[in-house]
Amino acid sequence: KEREGVAVIYTGGAIFYADSVKGRFTISRDTGKSTVYLQMNS
C-alpha cells in the first residue's frame, strides 16, 4: 500500500488527522517539542 499521512502537529500547535483515525488517534508533543507522540486507541 501507499504511504499515508496519519496525523501532524505544527510548531504553532495546529493538528490534523487522516479521516481514518479521527476520534481514535491523538497526536501530541512534549513541552520541549522535541518528542512527538501518537496515542492510538481502539
Full PDB file with SEQRES, HELIX, SHEET, SSBOND, CRYST1, ORIGX, SCALE, CONECT and MASTER records, all heavy atoms in Angstrom:
SEQRES   1 A   42  LYS GLU ARG GLU GLY VAL ALA VAL ILE TYR THR GLY GLY          
SEQRES   2 A   42  ALA ILE PHE TYR ALA ASP SER VAL LYS GLY ARG PHE THR          
SEQRES   3 A   42  ILE SER ARG ASP THR GLY LYS SER THR VAL TYR LEU GLN          
SEQRES   4 A   42  MET ASN SER                                                  
HELIX    1 AA1 ASP A   19  VAL A   21  5                                   3    
SHEET    1 AA1 2 ALA A   7  ILE A   9  0                                        
SHEET    2 AA1 2 ILE A  15  TYR A  17 -1                                        
SHEET    1 AA2 2 PHE A  25  ARG A  29  0                                        
SHEET    2 AA2 2 VAL A  36  MET A  40 -1                                        
CRYST1    1.000    1.000    1.000  90.00  90.00  90.00 P 1           1          
ORIGX1      1.000000  0.000000  0.000000        0.00000                         
ORIGX2      0.000000  1.000000  0.000000        0.00000                         
ORIGX3      0.000000  0.000000  1.000000        0.00000                         
SCALE1      1.000000  0.000000  0.000000        0.00000                         
SCALE2      0.000000  1.000000  0.000000        0.00000                         
SCALE3      0.000000  0.000000  1.000000        0.00000                         
ATOM      1  N   LYS A   1       0.823  -1.195   0.000  1.00  0.00           N  
ATOM      2  CA  LYS A   1       0.000   0.000   0.000  1.00  0.00           C  
ATOM      3  C   LYS A   1       0.864   1.254   0.000  1.00  0.00           C  
ATOM      4  O   LYS A   1       2.053   1.213   0.324  1.00  0.00           O  
ATOM      5  CB  LYS A   1      -0.930   0.020   1.213  1.00  0.00           C  
ATOM      6  CG  LYS A   1      -1.897  -1.141   1.276  1.00  0.00           C  
ATOM      7  CD  LYS A   1      -2.928  -0.958   2.367  1.00  0.00           C  
ATOM      8  CE  LYS A   1      -3.880   0.172   2.030  1.00  0.00           C  
ATOM      9  NZ  LYS A   1      -4.967   0.307   3.049  1.00  0.00           N  
ATOM     10  N   GLU A   2       0.255   2.348  -0.376  1.00  0.00           N  
ATOM     11  CA  GLU A   2       0.951   3.621  -0.398  1.00  0.00           C  
ATOM     12  C   GLU A   2       1.165   4.136   1.012  1.00  0.00           C  
ATOM     13  O   GLU A   2       0.383   3.865   1.926  1.00  0.00           O  
ATOM     14  CB  GLU A   2       0.158   4.648  -1.202  1.00  0.00           C  
ATOM     15  CG  GLU A   2      -0.028   4.308  -2.672  1.00  0.00           C  
ATOM     16  CD  GLU A   2       1.256   4.417  -3.447  1.00  0.00           C  
ATOM     17  OE1 GLU A   2       2.135   5.205  -3.062  1.00  0.00           O  
ATOM     18  OE2 GLU A   2       1.388   3.703  -4.463  1.00  0.00           O  
ATOM     19  N   ARG A   3       2.226   4.877   1.175  1.00  0.00           N  
ATOM     20  CA  ARG A   3       2.475   5.542   2.440  1.00  0.00           C  
ATOM     21  C   ARG A   3       1.440   6.647   2.624  1.00  0.00           C  
ATOM     22  O   ARG A   3       1.205   7.443   1.716  1.00  0.00           O  
ATOM     23  CB  ARG A   3       3.889   6.121   2.444  1.00  0.00           C  
ATOM     24  CG  ARG A   3       4.311   6.800   3.723  1.00  0.00           C  
ATOM     25  CD  ARG A   3       5.795   7.097   3.681  1.00  0.00           C  
ATOM     26  NE  ARG A   3       6.181   7.765   2.440  1.00  0.00           N  
ATOM     27  CZ  ARG A   3       7.428   8.031   2.083  1.00  0.00           C  
ATOM     28  NH1 ARG A   3       8.437   7.673   2.874  1.00  0.00           N  
ATOM     29  NH2 ARG A   3       7.676   8.637   0.936  1.00  0.00           N  
ATOM     30  N   GLU A   4       0.827   6.690   3.781  1.00  0.00           N  
ATOM     31  CA  GLU A   4      -0.226   7.656   4.015  1.00  0.00           C  
ATOM     32  C   GLU A   4       0.004   8.442   5.294  1.00  0.00           C  
ATOM     33  O   GLU A   4       0.524   7.924   6.283  1.00  0.00           O  
ATOM     34  CB  GLU A   4      -1.593   6.966   4.078  1.00  0.00           C  
ATOM     35  CG  GLU A   4      -1.741   5.981   5.219  1.00  0.00           C  
ATOM     36  CD  GLU A   4      -3.136   5.387   5.308  1.00  0.00           C  
ATOM     37  OE1 GLU A   4      -4.071   5.955   4.712  1.00  0.00           O  
ATOM     38  OE2 GLU A   4      -3.291   4.340   5.979  1.00  0.00           O  
ATOM     39  N   GLY A   5      -0.401   9.688   5.255  1.00  0.00           N  
ATOM     40  CA  GLY A   5      -0.317  10.521   6.435  1.00  0.00           C  
ATOM     41  C   GLY A   5      -1.357  10.116   7.457  1.00  0.00           C  
ATOM     42  O   GLY A   5      -2.509   9.844   7.114  1.00  0.00           O  
ATOM     43  N   VAL A   6      -0.961  10.099   8.706  1.00  0.00           N  
ATOM     44  CA  VAL A   6      -1.849   9.728   9.803  1.00  0.00           C  
ATOM     45  C   VAL A   6      -2.247  10.947  10.616  1.00  0.00           C  
ATOM     46  O   VAL A   6      -3.420  11.187  10.878  1.00  0.00           O  
ATOM     47  CB  VAL A   6      -1.193   8.676  10.710  1.00  0.00           C  
ATOM     48  CG1 VAL A   6      -2.072   8.371  11.915  1.00  0.00           C  
ATOM     49  CG2 VAL A   6      -0.888   7.407   9.924  1.00  0.00           C  
ATOM     50  N   ALA A   7      -1.259  11.717  11.010  1.00  0.00           N  
ATOM     51  CA  ALA A   7      -1.504  12.898  11.826  1.00  0.00           C  
ATOM     52  C   ALA A   7      -0.298  13.806  11.751  1.00  0.00           C  
ATOM     53  O   ALA A   7       0.809  13.364  11.435  1.00  0.00           O  
ATOM     54  CB  ALA A   7      -1.783  12.513  13.282  1.00  0.00           C  
ATOM     55  N   VAL A   8      -0.508  15.061  12.052  1.00  0.00           N  
ATOM     56  CA  VAL A   8       0.582  16.022  12.029  1.00  0.00           C  
ATOM     57  C   VAL A   8       0.351  17.068  13.105  1.00  0.00           C  
ATOM     58  O   VAL A   8      -0.793  17.392  13.443  1.00  0.00           O  
ATOM     59  CB  VAL A   8       0.705  16.698  10.638  1.00  0.00           C  
ATOM     60  CG1 VAL A   8      -0.518  17.568  10.347  1.00  0.00           C  
ATOM     61  CG2 VAL A   8       1.986  17.513  10.528  1.00  0.00           C  
ATOM     62  N   ILE A   9       1.430  17.577  13.642  1.00  0.00           N  
ATOM     63  CA  ILE A   9       1.356  18.689  14.572  1.00  0.00           C  
ATOM     64  C   ILE A   9       2.396  19.714  14.151  1.00  0.00           C  
ATOM     65  O   ILE A   9       3.557  19.391  13.905  1.00  0.00           O  
ATOM     66  CB  ILE A   9       1.548  18.236  16.031  1.00  0.00           C  
ATOM     67  CG1 ILE A   9       1.366  19.413  16.985  1.00  0.00           C  
ATOM     68  CG2 ILE A   9       2.891  17.554  16.236  1.00  0.00           C  
ATOM     69  CD1 ILE A   9       1.205  18.983  18.436  1.00  0.00           C  
ATOM     70  N   TYR A  10       1.962  20.954  14.046  1.00  0.00           N  
ATOM     71  CA  TYR A  10       2.841  22.051  13.659  1.00  0.00           C  
ATOM     72  C   TYR A  10       3.469  22.681  14.892  1.00  0.00           C  
ATOM     73  O   TYR A  10       2.961  22.564  16.005  1.00  0.00           O  
ATOM     74  CB  TYR A  10       2.060  23.116  12.894  1.00  0.00           C  
ATOM     75  CG  TYR A  10       1.689  22.746  11.480  1.00  0.00           C  
ATOM     76  CD1 TYR A  10       0.677  21.832  11.220  1.00  0.00           C  
ATOM     77  CD2 TYR A  10       2.353  23.323  10.400  1.00  0.00           C  
ATOM     78  CE1 TYR A  10       0.336  21.501   9.925  1.00  0.00           C  
ATOM     79  CE2 TYR A  10       2.011  23.000   9.101  1.00  0.00           C  
ATOM     80  CZ  TYR A  10       1.001  22.091   8.871  1.00  0.00           C  
ATOM     81  OH  TYR A  10       0.663  21.773   7.573  1.00  0.00           O  
ATOM     82  N   THR A  11       4.577  23.371  14.663  1.00  0.00           N  
ATOM     83  CA  THR A  11       5.233  24.081  15.752  1.00  0.00           C  
ATOM     84  C   THR A  11       4.260  24.999  16.472  1.00  0.00           C  
ATOM     85  O   THR A  11       4.268  25.101  17.698  1.00  0.00           O  
ATOM     86  CB  THR A  11       6.417  24.899  15.225  1.00  0.00           C  
ATOM     87  OG1 THR A  11       7.376  24.025  14.633  1.00  0.00           O  
ATOM     88  CG2 THR A  11       7.085  25.680  16.355  1.00  0.00           C  
ATOM     89  N   GLY A  12       3.388  25.654  15.708  1.00  0.00           N  
ATOM     90  CA  GLY A  12       2.414  26.550  16.290  1.00  0.00           C  
ATOM     91  C   GLY A  12       1.270  25.864  17.006  1.00  0.00           C  
ATOM     92  O   GLY A  12       0.461  26.541  17.641  1.00  0.00           O  
ATOM     93  N   GLY A  13       1.185  24.545  16.896  1.00  0.00           N  
ATOM     94  CA  GLY A  13       0.176  23.801  17.619  1.00  0.00           C  
ATOM     95  C   GLY A  13      -0.970  23.256  16.795  1.00  0.00           C  
ATOM     96  O   GLY A  13      -1.775  22.473  17.312  1.00  0.00           O  
ATOM     97  N   ALA A  14      -1.066  23.647  15.549  1.00  0.00           N  
ATOM     98  CA  ALA A  14      -2.134  23.129  14.703  1.00  0.00           C  
ATOM     99  C   ALA A  14      -1.989  21.622  14.526  1.00  0.00           C  
ATOM    100  O   ALA A  14      -0.883  21.103  14.389  1.00  0.00           O  
ATOM    101  CB  ALA A  14      -2.131  23.820  13.356  1.00  0.00           C  
ATOM    102  N   ILE A  15      -3.101  20.923  14.517  1.00  0.00           N  
ATOM    103  CA  ILE A  15      -3.130  19.473  14.408  1.00  0.00           C  
ATOM    104  C   ILE A  15      -4.121  19.053  13.334  1.00  0.00           C  
ATOM    105  O   ILE A  15      -5.214  19.618  13.230  1.00  0.00           O  
ATOM    106  CB  ILE A  15      -3.508  18.838  15.759  1.00  0.00           C  
ATOM    107  CG1 ILE A  15      -2.392  19.054  16.785  1.00  0.00           C  
ATOM    108  CG2 ILE A  15      -3.818  17.362  15.598  1.00  0.00           C  
ATOM    109  CD1 ILE A  15      -2.755  18.630  18.189  1.00  0.00           C  
ATOM    110  N   PHE A  16      -3.741  18.064  12.564  1.00  0.00           N  
ATOM    111  CA  PHE A  16      -4.622  17.497  11.559  1.00  0.00           C  
ATOM    112  C   PHE A  16      -4.499  15.985  11.591  1.00  0.00           C  
ATOM    113  O   PHE A  16      -3.445  15.438  11.896  1.00  0.00           O  
ATOM    114  CB  PHE A  16      -4.279  18.024  10.163  1.00  0.00           C  
ATOM    115  CG  PHE A  16      -4.407  19.509  10.027  1.00  0.00           C  
ATOM    116  CD1 PHE A  16      -3.311  20.332  10.204  1.00  0.00           C  
ATOM    117  CD2 PHE A  16      -5.628  20.085   9.723  1.00  0.00           C  
ATOM    118  CE1 PHE A  16      -3.422  21.713  10.085  1.00  0.00           C  
ATOM    119  CE2 PHE A  16      -5.752  21.461   9.605  1.00  0.00           C  
ATOM    120  CZ  PHE A  16      -4.657  22.279   9.785  1.00  0.00           C  
ATOM    121  N   TYR A  17      -5.599  15.320  11.257  1.00  0.00           N  
ATOM    122  CA  TYR A  17      -5.646  13.873  11.237  1.00  0.00           C  
ATOM    123  C   TYR A  17      -6.217  13.366   9.931  1.00  0.00           C  
ATOM    124  O   TYR A  17      -7.038  14.021   9.285  1.00  0.00           O  
ATOM    125  CB  TYR A  17      -6.540  13.338  12.353  1.00  0.00           C  
ATOM    126  CG  TYR A  17      -6.073  13.626  13.751  1.00  0.00           C  
ATOM    127  CD1 TYR A  17      -6.592  14.699  14.469  1.00  0.00           C  
ATOM    128  CD2 TYR A  17      -5.135  12.807  14.373  1.00  0.00           C  
ATOM    129  CE1 TYR A  17      -6.179  14.960  15.764  1.00  0.00           C  
ATOM    130  CE2 TYR A  17      -4.719  13.065  15.663  1.00  0.00           C  
ATOM    131  CZ  TYR A  17      -5.240  14.138  16.355  1.00  0.00           C  
ATOM    132  OH  TYR A  17      -4.830  14.385  17.648  1.00  0.00           O  
ATOM    133  N   ALA A  18      -5.789  12.182   9.574  1.00  0.00           N  
ATOM    134  CA  ALA A  18      -6.457  11.489   8.494  1.00  0.00           C  
ATOM    135  C   ALA A  18      -7.852  11.094   8.952  1.00  0.00           C  
ATOM    136  O   ALA A  18      -8.074  10.792  10.127  1.00  0.00           O  
ATOM    137  CB  ALA A  18      -5.672  10.241   8.093  1.00  0.00           C  
ATOM    138  N   ASP A  19      -8.791  11.105   8.030  1.00  0.00           N  
ATOM    139  CA  ASP A  19     -10.163  10.762   8.388  1.00  0.00           C  
ATOM    140  C   ASP A  19     -10.264   9.379   9.026  1.00  0.00           C  
ATOM    141  O   ASP A  19     -11.101   9.149   9.900  1.00  0.00           O  
ATOM    142  CB  ASP A  19     -11.062  10.819   7.151  1.00  0.00           C  
ATOM    143  CG  ASP A  19     -11.305  12.236   6.677  1.00  0.00           C  
ATOM    144  OD1 ASP A  19     -11.089  13.184   7.459  1.00  0.00           O  
ATOM    145  OD2 ASP A  19     -11.719  12.399   5.514  1.00  0.00           O  
ATOM    146  N   SER A  20      -9.417   8.479   8.600  1.00  0.00           N  
ATOM    147  CA  SER A  20      -9.499   7.106   9.061  1.00  0.00           C  
ATOM    148  C   SER A  20      -9.140   6.926  10.535  1.00  0.00           C  
ATOM    149  O   SER A  20      -9.465   5.891  11.123  1.00  0.00           O  
ATOM    150  CB  SER A  20      -8.596   6.207   8.209  1.00  0.00           C  
ATOM    151  OG  SER A  20      -7.245   6.626   8.286  1.00  0.00           O  
ATOM    152  N   VAL A  21      -8.483   7.915  11.131  1.00  0.00           N  
ATOM    153  CA  VAL A  21      -8.057   7.766  12.518  1.00  0.00           C  
ATOM    154  C   VAL A  21      -8.680   8.796  13.448  1.00  0.00           C  
ATOM    155  O   VAL A  21      -8.447   8.741  14.664  1.00  0.00           O  
ATOM    156  CB  VAL A  21      -6.524   7.822  12.654  1.00  0.00           C  
ATOM    157  CG1 VAL A  21      -5.869   6.802  11.728  1.00  0.00           C  
ATOM    158  CG2 VAL A  21      -5.996   9.224  12.367  1.00  0.00           C  
ATOM    159  N   LYS A  22      -9.460   9.704  12.916  1.00  0.00           N  
ATOM    160  CA  LYS A  22     -10.089  10.716  13.753  1.00  0.00           C  
ATOM    161  C   LYS A  22     -10.947  10.075  14.828  1.00  0.00           C  
ATOM    162  O   LYS A  22     -11.708   9.147  14.573  1.00  0.00           O  
ATOM    163  CB  LYS A  22     -10.939  11.659  12.905  1.00  0.00           C  
ATOM    164  CG  LYS A  22     -10.140  12.618  12.049  1.00  0.00           C  
ATOM    165  CD  LYS A  22     -11.052  13.527  11.238  1.00  0.00           C  
ATOM    166  CE  LYS A  22     -10.246  14.495  10.390  1.00  0.00           C  
ATOM    167  NZ  LYS A  22     -11.117  15.346   9.544  1.00  0.00           N  
ATOM    168  N   GLY A  23     -10.801  10.576  16.032  1.00  0.00           N  
ATOM    169  CA  GLY A  23     -11.547  10.045  17.150  1.00  0.00           C  
ATOM    170  C   GLY A  23     -10.887   8.876  17.835  1.00  0.00           C  
ATOM    171  O   GLY A  23     -11.308   8.486  18.933  1.00  0.00           O  
ATOM    172  N   ARG A  24      -9.870   8.310  17.216  1.00  0.00           N  
ATOM    173  CA  ARG A  24      -9.174   7.169  17.798  1.00  0.00           C  
ATOM    174  C   ARG A  24      -7.723   7.484  18.136  1.00  0.00           C  
ATOM    175  O   ARG A  24      -7.199   6.985  19.124  1.00  0.00           O  
ATOM    176  CB  ARG A  24      -9.221   5.976  16.847  1.00  0.00           C  
ATOM    177  CG  ARG A  24     -10.630   5.486  16.531  1.00  0.00           C  
ATOM    178  CD  ARG A  24     -10.594   4.183  15.756  1.00  0.00           C  
ATOM    179  NE  ARG A  24      -9.924   4.328  14.469  1.00  0.00           N  
ATOM    180  CZ  ARG A  24      -8.840   3.641  14.102  1.00  0.00           C  
ATOM    181  NH1 ARG A  24      -8.308   2.746  14.927  1.00  0.00           N  
ATOM    182  NH2 ARG A  24      -8.302   3.832  12.903  1.00  0.00           N  
ATOM    183  N   PHE A  25      -7.081   8.278  17.305  1.00  0.00           N  
ATOM    184  CA  PHE A  25      -5.674   8.611  17.495  1.00  0.00           C  
ATOM    185  C   PHE A  25      -5.539  10.048  17.971  1.00  0.00           C  
ATOM    186  O   PHE A  25      -6.330  10.921  17.593  1.00  0.00           O  
ATOM    187  CB  PHE A  25      -4.891   8.465  16.191  1.00  0.00           C  
ATOM    188  CG  PHE A  25      -4.718   7.052  15.697  1.00  0.00           C  
ATOM    189  CD1 PHE A  25      -5.418   5.994  16.257  1.00  0.00           C  
ATOM    190  CD2 PHE A  25      -3.847   6.795  14.655  1.00  0.00           C  
ATOM    191  CE1 PHE A  25      -5.255   4.699  15.791  1.00  0.00           C  
ATOM    192  CE2 PHE A  25      -3.674   5.509  14.181  1.00  0.00           C  
ATOM    193  CZ  PHE A  25      -4.372   4.459  14.746  1.00  0.00           C  
ATOM    194  N   THR A  26      -4.519  10.290  18.763  1.00  0.00           N  
ATOM    195  CA  THR A  26      -4.224  11.632  19.241  1.00  0.00           C  
ATOM    196  C   THR A  26      -2.738  11.905  19.108  1.00  0.00           C  
ATOM    197  O   THR A  26      -1.920  11.137  19.617  1.00  0.00           O  
ATOM    198  CB  THR A  26      -4.638  11.813  20.710  1.00  0.00           C  
ATOM    199  OG1 THR A  26      -6.032  11.538  20.863  1.00  0.00           O  
ATOM    200  CG2 THR A  26      -4.365  13.245  21.165  1.00  0.00           C  
ATOM    201  N   ILE A  27      -2.407  12.975  18.430  1.00  0.00           N  
ATOM    202  CA  ILE A  27      -1.016  13.372  18.317  1.00  0.00           C  
ATOM    203  C   ILE A  27      -0.730  14.460  19.347  1.00  0.00           C  
ATOM    204  O   ILE A  27      -1.578  15.315  19.611  1.00  0.00           O  
ATOM    205  CB  ILE A  27      -0.676  13.854  16.888  1.00  0.00           C  
ATOM    206  CG1 ILE A  27       0.835  14.041  16.726  1.00  0.00           C  
ATOM    207  CG2 ILE A  27      -1.426  15.128  16.534  1.00  0.00           C  
ATOM    208  CD1 ILE A  27       1.263  14.277  15.282  1.00  0.00           C  
ATOM    209  N   SER A  28       0.440  14.418  19.925  1.00  0.00           N  
ATOM    210  CA  SER A  28       0.821  15.401  20.926  1.00  0.00           C  
ATOM    211  C   SER A  28       2.332  15.523  20.959  1.00  0.00           C  
ATOM    212  O   SER A  28       3.043  14.792  20.258  1.00  0.00           O  
ATOM    213  CB  SER A  28       0.282  15.017  22.309  1.00  0.00           C  
ATOM    214  OG  SER A  28       0.834  13.789  22.746  1.00  0.00           O  
ATOM    215  N   ARG A  29       2.818  16.427  21.761  1.00  0.00           N  
ATOM    216  CA  ARG A  29       4.253  16.633  21.886  1.00  0.00           C  
ATOM    217  C   ARG A  29       4.596  16.997  23.313  1.00  0.00           C  
ATOM    218  O   ARG A  29       3.736  17.438  24.080  1.00  0.00           O  
ATOM    219  CB  ARG A  29       4.716  17.733  20.933  1.00  0.00           C  
ATOM    220  CG  ARG A  29       4.099  19.095  21.236  1.00  0.00           C  
ATOM    221  CD  ARG A  29       4.339  20.085  20.135  1.00  0.00           C  
ATOM    222  NE  ARG A  29       3.688  21.360  20.404  1.00  0.00           N  
ATOM    223  CZ  ARG A  29       3.504  22.317  19.522  1.00  0.00           C  
ATOM    224  NH1 ARG A  29       3.942  22.143  18.276  1.00  0.00           N  
ATOM    225  NH2 ARG A  29       2.897  23.440  19.862  1.00  0.00           N  
ATOM    226  N   ASP A  30       5.851  16.817  23.663  1.00  0.00           N  
ATOM    227  CA  ASP A  30       6.267  17.219  24.991  1.00  0.00           C  
ATOM    228  C   ASP A  30       6.461  18.724  25.020  1.00  0.00           C  
ATOM    229  O   ASP A  30       6.424  19.399  23.996  1.00  0.00           O  
ATOM    230  CB  ASP A  30       7.525  16.459  25.428  1.00  0.00           C  
ATOM    231  CG  ASP A  30       8.730  16.721  24.537  1.00  0.00           C  
ATOM    232  OD1 ASP A  30       8.700  17.661  23.723  1.00  0.00           O  
ATOM    233  OD2 ASP A  30       9.712  15.969  24.663  1.00  0.00           O  
ATOM    234  N   THR A  31       6.682  19.237  26.204  1.00  0.00           N  
ATOM    235  CA  THR A  31       6.790  20.688  26.350  1.00  0.00           C  
ATOM    236  C   THR A  31       7.980  21.268  25.616  1.00  0.00           C  
ATOM    237  O   THR A  31       7.946  22.422  25.189  1.00  0.00           O  
ATOM    238  CB  THR A  31       6.863  21.076  27.832  1.00  0.00           C  
ATOM    239  OG1 THR A  31       7.947  20.379  28.461  1.00  0.00           O  
ATOM    240  CG2 THR A  31       5.571  20.719  28.540  1.00  0.00           C  
ATOM    241  N   GLY A  32       9.021  20.481  25.472  1.00  0.00           N  
ATOM    242  CA  GLY A  32      10.182  20.937  24.739  1.00  0.00           C  
ATOM    243  C   GLY A  32      10.059  20.774  23.242  1.00  0.00           C  
ATOM    244  O   GLY A  32      10.934  21.200  22.492  1.00  0.00           O  
ATOM    245  N   LYS A  33       9.001  20.127  22.815  1.00  0.00           N  
ATOM    246  CA  LYS A  33       8.672  19.924  21.404  1.00  0.00           C  
ATOM    247  C   LYS A  33       9.677  19.057  20.659  1.00  0.00           C  
ATOM    248  O   LYS A  33       9.668  19.019  19.432  1.00  0.00           O  
ATOM    249  CB  LYS A  33       8.497  21.261  20.689  1.00  0.00           C  
ATOM    250  CG  LYS A  33       7.431  22.154  21.293  1.00  0.00           C  
ATOM    251  CD  LYS A  33       7.291  23.458  20.525  1.00  0.00           C  
ATOM    252  CE  LYS A  33       6.230  24.349  21.146  1.00  0.00           C  
ATOM    253  NZ  LYS A  33       6.076  25.636  20.398  1.00  0.00           N  
ATOM    254  N   SER A  34      10.520  18.368  21.390  1.00  0.00           N  
ATOM    255  CA  SER A  34      11.499  17.508  20.748  1.00  0.00           C  
ATOM    256  C   SER A  34      10.974  16.092  20.523  1.00  0.00           C  
ATOM    257  O   SER A  34      11.559  15.339  19.748  1.00  0.00           O  
ATOM    258  CB  SER A  34      12.782  17.443  21.569  1.00  0.00           C  
ATOM    259  OG  SER A  34      12.542  16.896  22.852  1.00  0.00           O  
ATOM    260  N   THR A  35       9.911  15.750  21.199  1.00  0.00           N  
ATOM    261  CA  THR A  35       9.317  14.433  21.068  1.00  0.00           C  
ATOM    262  C   THR A  35       7.851  14.564  20.708  1.00  0.00           C  
ATOM    263  O   THR A  35       7.126  15.348  21.316  1.00  0.00           O  
ATOM    264  CB  THR A  35       9.456  13.624  22.367  1.00  0.00           C  
ATOM    265  OG1 THR A  35      10.839  13.516  22.722  1.00  0.00           O  
ATOM    266  CG2 THR A  35       8.881  12.229  22.193  1.00  0.00           C  
ATOM    267  N   VAL A  36       7.440  13.816  19.735  1.00  0.00           N  
ATOM    268  CA  VAL A  36       6.042  13.794  19.339  1.00  0.00           C  
ATOM    269  C   VAL A  36       5.486  12.406  19.605  1.00  0.00           C  
ATOM    270  O   VAL A  36       6.192  11.400  19.453  1.00  0.00           O  
ATOM    271  CB  VAL A  36       5.876  14.209  17.863  1.00  0.00           C  
ATOM    272  CG1 VAL A  36       6.560  13.214  16.937  1.00  0.00           C  
ATOM    273  CG2 VAL A  36       4.412  14.362  17.506  1.00  0.00           C  
ATOM    274  N   TYR A  37       4.238  12.354  20.011  1.00  0.00           N  
ATOM    275  CA  TYR A  37       3.598  11.102  20.376  1.00  0.00           C  
ATOM    276  C   TYR A  37       2.385  10.849  19.510  1.00  0.00           C  
ATOM    277  O   TYR A  37       1.770  11.767  18.975  1.00  0.00           O  
ATOM    278  CB  TYR A  37       3.159  11.135  21.844  1.00  0.00           C  
ATOM    279  CG  TYR A  37       4.265  11.469  22.806  1.00  0.00           C  
ATOM    280  CD1 TYR A  37       4.461  12.777  23.233  1.00  0.00           C  
ATOM    281  CD2 TYR A  37       5.117  10.483  23.287  1.00  0.00           C  
ATOM    282  CE1 TYR A  37       5.478  13.096  24.117  1.00  0.00           C  
ATOM    283  CE2 TYR A  37       6.131  10.787  24.167  1.00  0.00           C  
ATOM    284  CZ  TYR A  37       6.311  12.093  24.580  1.00  0.00           C  
ATOM    285  OH  TYR A  37       7.320  12.399  25.459  1.00  0.00           O  
ATOM    286  N   LEU A  38       2.048   9.606  19.407  1.00  0.00           N  
ATOM    287  CA  LEU A  38       0.813   9.219  18.755  1.00  0.00           C  
ATOM    288  C   LEU A  38       0.127   8.190  19.635  1.00  0.00           C  
ATOM    289  O   LEU A  38       0.568   7.039  19.710  1.00  0.00           O  
ATOM    290  CB  LEU A  38       1.064   8.647  17.358  1.00  0.00           C  
ATOM    291  CG  LEU A  38      -0.196   8.352  16.545  1.00  0.00           C  
ATOM    292  CD1 LEU A  38      -0.901   9.652  16.161  1.00  0.00           C  
ATOM    293  CD2 LEU A  38       0.144   7.545  15.298  1.00  0.00           C  
ATOM    294  N   GLN A  39      -0.910   8.626  20.319  1.00  0.00           N  
ATOM    295  CA  GLN A  39      -1.708   7.722  21.125  1.00  0.00           C  
ATOM    296  C   GLN A  39      -2.746   7.085  20.224  1.00  0.00           C  
ATOM    297  O   GLN A  39      -3.553   7.782  19.615  1.00  0.00           O  
ATOM    298  CB  GLN A  39      -2.388   8.476  22.267  1.00  0.00           C  
ATOM    299  CG  GLN A  39      -3.288   7.614  23.141  1.00  0.00           C  
ATOM    300  CD  GLN A  39      -2.516   6.576  23.924  1.00  0.00           C  
ATOM    301  OE1 GLN A  39      -1.489   6.890  24.520  1.00  0.00           O  
ATOM    302  NE2 GLN A  39      -2.989   5.339  23.916  1.00  0.00           N  
ATOM    303  N   MET A  40      -2.719   5.782  20.146  1.00  0.00           N  
ATOM    304  CA  MET A  40      -3.606   5.053  19.261  1.00  0.00           C  
ATOM    305  C   MET A  40      -4.533   4.186  20.099  1.00  0.00           C  
ATOM    306  O   MET A  40      -4.083   3.265  20.783  1.00  0.00           O  
ATOM    307  CB  MET A  40      -2.814   4.193  18.276  1.00  0.00           C  
ATOM    308  CG  MET A  40      -1.801   4.978  17.455  1.00  0.00           C  
ATOM    309  SD  MET A  40      -0.972   3.967  16.204  1.00  0.00           S  
ATOM    310  CE  MET A  40      -0.078   2.830  17.281  1.00  0.00           C  
ATOM    311  N   ASN A  41      -5.799   4.490  20.050  1.00  0.00           N  
ATOM    312  CA  ASN A  41      -6.812   3.742  20.778  1.00  0.00           C  
ATOM    313  C   ASN A  41      -7.756   3.059  19.802  1.00  0.00           C  
ATOM    314  O   ASN A  41      -7.825   3.409  18.631  1.00  0.00           O  
ATOM    315  CB  ASN A  41      -7.604   4.669  21.701  1.00  0.00           C  
ATOM    316  CG  ASN A  41      -6.759   5.322  22.760  1.00  0.00           C  
ATOM    317  OD1 ASN A  41      -5.798   4.731  23.258  1.00  0.00           O  
ATOM    318  ND2 ASN A  41      -7.115   6.548  23.137  1.00  0.00           N  
ATOM    319  N   SER A  42      -8.489   2.104  20.322  1.00  0.00           N  
ATOM    320  CA  SER A  42      -9.464   1.373  19.504  1.00  0.00           C  
ATOM    321  C   SER A  42      -8.846   0.886  18.206  1.00  0.00           C  
ATOM    322  O   SER A  42      -9.413   1.051  17.126  1.00  0.00           O  
ATOM    323  CB  SER A  42     -10.682   2.265  19.227  1.00  0.00           C  
ATOM    324  OG  SER A  42     -11.291   2.690  20.426  1.00  0.00           O  
TER     325      SER A  42                                                      
MASTER        0    0    0    1    4    0    0    6  324    1    0    4          
END                                                                             
